[in-house]
Amino acid sequence: MEERACLQRKAHGFTLIELLLALVIVAVLASLAFSSYASYVSKAYNAAAIADILSIEGCIERYYTTAWNFPPDLATAGCTGNDPWGNPYKDLNIQT
């Protein structure tokens, strides 16, 4: 009779250790998911920056073929904008 009462009492809820164990498992899974997401975002930003730089290269080449010299800045070449991190692209004029 006592065994039955003990089993019935245990079936009513979770113990503190069971809840803590579930919380630890959820925390580990969340940390793994966050690190994977951060890696994905970093790779996406890098790919966007590479594509932007290739586009800027094309703008500078088009300007050079029409003016026969390099532009003094990117705005003159017609390519302005910010990188994926929010910083404006800058041109290093190697002629001056």
Protein backbone atom coordinates (compact mmCIF):
# COMPACT_ATOMS: atom_id res chain seq x y z
CA MET A 1 0.00 0.00 0.00
CA GLU A 2 2.80 2.43 0.82
CA GLU A 3 4.53 1.70 -2.46
CA ARG A 4 1.42 2.60 -4.40
CA ALA A 5 1.08 5.89 -2.50
CA CYS A 6 4.75 6.68 -3.17
CA LEU A 7 4.35 6.01 -6.89
CA GLN A 8 1.23 8.14 -7.07
CA ARG A 9 3.00 11.02 -5.32
CA LYS A 10 5.91 10.90 -7.77
CA ALA A 11 3.65 11.01 -10.83
CA HIS A 12 2.14 14.39 -9.91
CA GLY A 13 5.05 16.60 -11.00
CA PHE A 14 8.72 16.99 -11.75
CA THR A 15 11.48 17.13 -9.22
CA LEU A 16 13.84 20.07 -8.98
CA ILE A 17 16.70 18.00 -10.42
CA GLU A 18 14.63 17.02 -13.45
CA LEU A 19 13.72 20.65 -14.10
CA LEU A 20 17.34 21.78 -13.75
CA LEU A 21 18.50 19.04 -16.10
CA ALA A 22 15.94 20.10 -18.71
CA LEU A 23 17.05 23.72 -18.28
CA VAL A 24 20.71 22.77 -18.81
CA ILE A 25 19.85 20.82 -21.97
CA VAL A 26 17.87 23.77 -23.37
CA ALA A 27 20.73 26.17 -22.54
CA VAL A 28 23.30 23.98 -24.31
CA LEU A 29 21.11 23.67 -27.40
CA ALA A 30 20.49 27.44 -27.44
CA SER A 31 24.20 28.21 -27.21
CA LEU A 32 24.94 25.85 -30.11
CA ALA A 33 22.20 27.40 -32.19
CA PHE A 34 23.39 30.94 -31.45
CA SER A 35 26.99 30.18 -32.41
CA SER A 36 25.85 28.58 -35.66
CA TYR A 37 23.66 31.59 -36.43
CA ALA A 38 26.50 34.04 -35.68
CA SER A 39 28.80 32.09 -38.01
CA TYR A 40 26.17 32.16 -40.76
CA VAL A 41 25.68 35.93 -40.40
CA SER A 42 29.44 36.53 -40.50
CA LYS A 43 29.80 34.50 -43.70
CA ALA A 44 26.86 36.36 -45.27
CA TYR A 45 28.41 39.75 -44.42
CA ASN A 46 31.73 38.69 -45.90
CA ALA A 47 30.06 37.51 -49.11
CA ALA A 48 28.12 40.78 -49.39
CA ALA A 49 31.32 42.80 -48.88
CA ILE A 50 33.11 40.81 -51.60
CA ALA A 51 30.23 41.41 -54.00
CA ASP A 52 30.24 45.14 -53.17
CA ILE A 53 33.99 45.40 -53.76
CA LEU A 54 33.65 43.70 -57.14
CA SER A 55 30.90 46.17 -58.04
CA ILE A 56 33.10 49.10 -56.99
CA GLU A 57 35.90 47.67 -59.10
CA GLY A 58 33.56 47.69 -62.10
CA CYS A 59 32.57 51.32 -61.42
CA ILE A 60 36.21 52.40 -61.26
CA GLU A 61 37.06 50.52 -64.46
CA ARG A 62 34.12 52.13 -66.32
CA TYR A 63 35.23 55.57 -65.14
CA TYR A 64 38.81 54.86 -66.21
CA THR A 65 37.79 53.77 -69.71
CA THR A 66 35.81 56.98 -70.28
CA ALA A 67 38.08 59.55 -68.54
CA TRP A 68 41.49 57.86 -68.99
CA ASN A 69 42.38 58.42 -65.34
CA PHE A 70 41.20 57.10 -62.02
CA PRO A 71 38.43 58.93 -60.15
CA PRO A 72 39.41 61.17 -57.23
CA ASP A 73 36.79 59.50 -55.05
CA LEU A 74 34.09 56.84 -55.29
CA ALA A 75 31.25 59.36 -55.59
CA THR A 76 32.79 60.71 -58.81
CA ALA A 77 32.88 57.19 -60.21
CA GLY A 78 29.21 56.76 -59.34
CA CYS A 79 29.57 54.09 -56.70
CA THR A 80 28.71 55.05 -53.15
CA GLY A 81 27.37 53.04 -50.28
CA ASN A 82 28.14 51.33 -47.04
CA ASP A 83 29.63 47.96 -46.29
CA PRO A 84 27.50 45.34 -44.52
CA TRP A 85 28.75 46.60 -41.14
CA GLY A 86 27.53 50.15 -41.85
CA ASN A 87 30.86 51.81 -42.67
CA PRO A 88 31.22 53.79 -45.90
CA TYR A 89 33.56 52.40 -48.53
CA LYS A 90 36.69 54.47 -49.05
CA ASP A 91 38.96 54.71 -52.07
CA LEU A 92 42.71 54.89 -51.67
CA ASN A 93 43.89 57.00 -54.58
CA ILE A 94 47.35 55.60 -55.28
CA GLN A 95 48.18 58.23 -57.92
CA THR A 96 48.48 61.12 -55.45
